[in-house]
Amino acid sequence: MLIDIHTHKPSQYKSIKSLHFPNEYENLSDASTAISIGIHPWWAEVEHSEKFEKLFEQGVPPSVVAIGECGIDRVRGAAIEVQKTIFHRQVQLASTFNLPVIVHQVKGISDVLHEIKQFPYTVFVFHGYLGNPEQTLQLLKHNVFFSFGEGLIDYPGKYQKIIDLIPVEKILFETDNGQSNLKSIFQAYTQLKSREANEVELIVEKSACRIFNLESYGMG
């Protein structure tokens, strides 16, 4: 079974829908849908962070399986120190409630690594990953997974070296806001990895269900 671990749109596949804004959190009681919630670095604001943290005052909100996407973006968004503070608070919540963190980062891997080292038992999922081989090898030393989207279809040559480095057991797939079908992304990966599709699908499904505890959503 293919699982879309990060999407902002309705999906024909089993999926985790990512929400960004407080007005989107009104539907968290819909436990039939797996959801991730987080403060994106583009919209990192103290007021937003305070509203976000209140959601966890009574424990993990219904249907929430991950925190994110959140992280550091050194090209766009709030002031870096604000981003760092708000990202740290979200990682603290993830650690407290044993939730994985879906990471958005642009030129901020060292900042994210700082958090990863502080919270070694928290799972970090780098969404839309396209780091270089050196960064990839550094991240592989930690409790990190790598999610790939339509970039595998559009720019396969850019991905070959890092795909070769990352074990299948550390791979996940997503559609994010893209136009590509999840199956097409999956097929692009199996071609780059030169692995049998059924074998890869089973391994990735098992990883996704374990990381996000998806059994109650009919996955796994």
Protein backbone atom coordinates (compact mmCIF):
# COMPACT_ATOMS: atom_id res chain seq x y z
CA MET A 1 0.00 0.00 0.00
CA LEU A 2 1.29 3.44 -0.95
CA ILE A 3 1.02 6.11 1.76
CA ASP A 4 1.30 9.83 1.03
CA ILE A 5 2.96 11.13 4.20
CA HIS A 6 2.70 14.84 3.35
CA THR A 7 0.00 16.47 1.26
CA HIS A 8 -2.02 19.67 1.32
CA LYS A 9 -4.68 18.34 -1.06
CA PRO A 10 -7.28 15.55 -1.16
CA SER A 11 -5.59 12.29 -2.12
CA GLN A 12 -6.76 9.05 -3.70
CA TYR A 13 -4.22 7.27 -1.51
CA LYS A 14 -3.99 6.76 2.21
CA SER A 15 -2.45 10.03 3.31
CA ILE A 16 -1.46 12.45 6.05
CA LYS A 17 -2.91 15.90 5.45
CA SER A 18 -0.70 18.80 6.50
CA LEU A 19 -2.31 21.89 8.09
CA HIS A 20 -0.61 25.23 8.71
CA PHE A 21 -2.99 27.81 10.13
CA PRO A 22 -5.09 28.06 13.34
CA ASN A 23 -8.35 28.33 11.38
CA GLU A 24 -7.57 24.93 9.83
CA TYR A 25 -7.42 23.22 13.22
CA GLU A 26 -11.20 23.27 13.69
CA ASN A 27 -11.54 19.84 12.08
CA LEU A 28 -9.09 18.01 14.32
CA SER A 29 -11.95 16.02 15.84
CA ASP A 30 -12.31 14.16 12.54
CA ALA A 31 -10.33 11.11 13.68
CA SER A 32 -10.93 9.30 10.37
CA THR A 33 -8.25 11.47 8.76
CA ALA A 34 -4.59 11.40 9.77
CA ILE A 35 -3.26 14.95 10.14
CA SER A 36 0.01 16.73 10.76
CA ILE A 37 -0.06 20.24 12.21
CA GLY A 38 2.78 22.69 12.47
CA ILE A 39 3.96 26.25 12.12
CA HIS A 40 5.71 26.66 8.79
CA PRO A 41 8.80 28.91 8.99
CA TRP A 42 7.30 31.20 6.34
CA TRP A 43 4.55 32.10 8.82
CA ALA A 44 6.41 31.77 12.11
CA GLU A 45 4.84 34.22 14.55
CA VAL A 46 4.81 34.24 18.35
CA GLU A 47 1.02 34.67 18.43
CA HIS A 48 0.60 31.71 16.09
CA SER A 49 2.95 29.64 18.26
CA GLU A 50 0.97 30.39 21.41
CA LYS A 51 -2.29 29.28 19.76
CA PHE A 52 -0.57 26.17 18.47
CA GLU A 53 0.78 25.16 21.87
CA LYS A 54 -2.67 25.52 23.47
CA LEU A 55 -3.88 22.72 21.20
CA PHE A 56 -1.74 20.31 23.24
CA GLU A 57 -2.82 21.42 26.71
CA GLN A 58 -5.07 18.34 27.03
CA GLY A 59 -2.70 16.00 25.20
CA VAL A 60 -2.38 15.19 21.52
CA PRO A 61 -5.36 16.55 19.54
CA PRO A 62 -7.57 13.91 17.86
CA SER A 63 -6.27 12.63 14.52
CA VAL A 64 -2.86 14.32 14.85
CA VAL A 65 -0.04 11.90 13.99
CA ALA A 66 2.85 14.33 13.49
CA ILE A 67 4.05 17.87 14.10
CA GLY A 68 4.97 19.79 10.97
CA GLU A 69 5.77 20.86 8.57
CA CYS A 70 8.05 23.10 10.56
CA GLY A 71 11.69 24.03 10.49
CA ILE A 72 14.12 26.64 9.22
CA ASP A 73 14.09 28.55 5.94
CA ARG A 74 17.02 30.95 5.46
CA VAL A 75 15.66 32.19 2.13
CA ARG A 76 12.11 33.11 3.05
CA GLY A 77 10.06 33.68 6.17
CA ALA A 78 10.31 35.23 9.61
CA ALA A 79 13.57 36.39 11.21
CA ILE A 80 15.86 33.41 11.75
CA GLU A 81 15.93 33.73 15.53
CA VAL A 82 12.11 33.72 15.57
CA GLN A 83 12.11 30.66 13.31
CA LYS A 84 14.60 28.88 15.58
CA THR A 85 12.61 29.62 18.72
CA ILE A 86 9.30 28.46 17.25
CA PHE A 87 10.84 25.38 15.67
CA HIS A 88 12.43 24.44 19.01
CA ARG A 89 9.08 24.75 20.80
CA GLN A 90 7.47 22.43 18.27
CA VAL A 91 10.24 19.86 18.61
CA GLN A 92 9.81 20.00 22.38
CA LEU A 93 6.10 19.20 21.95
CA ALA A 94 6.93 16.35 19.58
CA SER A 95 9.36 14.93 22.13
CA THR A 96 6.86 15.26 24.97
CA PHE A 97 4.10 13.45 23.08
CA ASN A 98 6.30 11.01 21.13
CA LEU A 99 5.30 12.41 17.74
CA PRO A 100 7.49 12.58 14.63
CA VAL A 101 8.49 15.96 13.19
CA ILE A 102 8.01 16.74 9.48
CA VAL A 103 10.81 19.15 8.58
CA HIS A 104 10.87 21.98 6.07
CA GLN A 105 14.37 23.34 5.62
CA VAL A 106 16.06 25.58 3.09
CA LYS A 107 19.76 26.22 3.70
CA GLY A 108 19.09 25.32 7.31
CA ILE A 109 20.33 21.76 7.78
CA SER A 110 22.87 22.81 10.43
CA ASP A 111 20.07 24.53 12.39
CA VAL A 112 17.88 21.44 12.16
CA LEU A 113 20.79 19.18 13.12
CA HIS A 114 21.14 21.22 16.30
CA GLU A 115 17.61 20.18 17.28
CA ILE A 116 18.08 16.59 16.15
CA LYS A 117 21.08 16.21 18.45
CA GLN A 118 19.12 17.62 21.39
CA PHE A 119 16.24 15.19 20.86
CA PRO A 120 17.83 11.89 19.73
CA TYR A 121 14.70 9.81 20.38
CA THR A 122 12.42 11.98 18.24
CA VAL A 123 11.93 10.96 14.60
CA PHE A 124 12.62 13.71 12.06
CA VAL A 125 11.25 13.38 8.52
CA PHE A 126 12.86 15.69 5.96
CA HIS A 127 10.10 16.39 3.47
CA GLY A 128 10.89 17.14 -0.18
CA TYR A 129 14.47 16.18 0.55
CA LEU A 130 17.28 17.29 -1.75
CA GLY A 131 20.43 17.55 0.32
CA ASN A 132 23.90 16.89 -1.03
CA PRO A 133 25.74 13.61 -0.36
CA GLU A 134 27.76 15.06 2.55
CA GLN A 135 24.63 16.36 4.29
CA THR A 136 22.86 13.09 3.64
CA LEU A 137 25.62 11.02 5.23
CA GLN A 138 25.59 13.32 8.25
CA LEU A 139 21.81 13.01 8.67
CA LEU A 140 21.92 9.22 8.29
CA LYS A 141 23.77 9.07 11.62
CA HIS A 142 20.59 10.20 13.37
CA ASN A 143 16.92 9.27 13.78
CA VAL A 144 16.05 10.75 10.38
CA PHE A 145 13.89 9.69 7.43
CA PHE A 146 13.77 11.20 3.95
CA SER A 147 10.56 11.93 2.02
CA PHE A 148 10.59 12.43 -1.74
CA GLY A 149 8.07 14.05 -4.06
CA GLU A 150 7.72 14.98 -7.71
CA GLY A 151 11.31 16.19 -7.92
CA LEU A 152 12.18 12.53 -8.55
CA ILE A 153 10.19 12.79 -11.78
CA ASP A 154 11.25 16.28 -12.83
CA TYR A 155 14.96 16.15 -11.98
CA PRO A 156 16.06 12.50 -11.61
CA GLY A 157 19.69 13.33 -12.28
CA LYS A 158 19.85 15.57 -9.20
CA TYR A 159 18.62 12.75 -6.98
CA GLN A 160 20.62 9.74 -8.13
CA LYS A 161 23.59 10.20 -5.79
CA ILE A 162 21.50 10.67 -2.65
CA ILE A 163 19.09 7.87 -3.61
CA ASP A 164 22.10 5.58 -3.85
CA LEU A 165 23.18 6.56 -0.32
CA ILE A 166 19.87 6.23 1.54
CA PRO A 167 18.61 2.75 2.51
CA VAL A 168 15.05 1.93 1.41
CA GLU A 169 14.16 1.55 5.09
CA LYS A 170 14.71 5.32 5.48
CA ILE A 171 12.51 6.38 2.54
CA LEU A 172 8.99 7.85 2.42
CA PHE A 173 6.91 9.47 -0.34
CA GLU A 174 4.74 12.59 -0.61
CA THR A 175 2.80 14.73 -3.08
CA ASP A 176 2.92 18.00 -1.08
CA ASN A 177 1.31 20.68 -3.30
CA GLY A 178 2.58 19.14 -6.53
CA GLN A 179 0.69 17.89 -9.53
CA SER A 180 2.27 14.45 -9.77
CA ASN A 181 0.50 11.25 -8.79
CA LEU A 182 1.97 9.37 -5.81
CA LYS A 183 2.33 6.20 -7.86
CA SER A 184 4.37 8.06 -10.49
CA ILE A 185 6.69 9.38 -7.77
CA PHE A 186 7.04 5.87 -6.37
CA GLN A 187 7.82 4.43 -9.80
CA ALA A 188 10.45 7.11 -10.43
CA TYR A 189 12.13 6.10 -7.17
CA THR A 190 12.18 2.37 -7.95
CA GLN A 191 13.76 3.11 -11.31
CA LEU A 192 16.48 5.23 -9.72
CA LYS A 193 17.07 2.66 -6.98
CA SER A 194 16.81 -0.34 -9.31
CA ARG A 195 14.70 -2.25 -6.79
CA GLU A 196 11.63 -4.43 -7.30
CA ALA A 197 8.47 -2.35 -6.79
CA ASN A 198 6.53 -4.75 -4.54
CA GLU A 199 9.48 -5.16 -2.20
CA VAL A 200 10.00 -1.39 -1.90
CA GLU A 201 6.29 -0.74 -1.35
CA LEU A 202 6.13 -3.16 1.58
CA ILE A 203 9.25 -1.73 3.23
CA VAL A 204 8.09 1.89 2.87
CA GLU A 205 4.57 1.07 4.08
CA LYS A 206 5.97 -0.58 7.19
CA SER A 207 8.18 2.44 7.90
CA ALA A 208 5.33 4.94 7.46
CA CYS A 209 2.93 2.98 9.67
CA ARG A 210 5.53 2.64 12.42
CA ILE A 211 6.67 6.28 12.37
CA PHE A 212 3.17 7.78 12.32
CA ASN A 213 1.31 5.03 14.21
CA LEU A 214 -1.21 4.71 11.38
CA GLU A 215 -2.91 1.42 12.22
CA SER A 216 -6.02 3.17 13.59
CA TYR A 217 -6.48 4.91 10.23
CA GLY A 218 -6.77 1.67 8.29
CA MET A 219 -3.13 1.68 7.22
CA GLY A 220 -0.78 -1.13 7.92
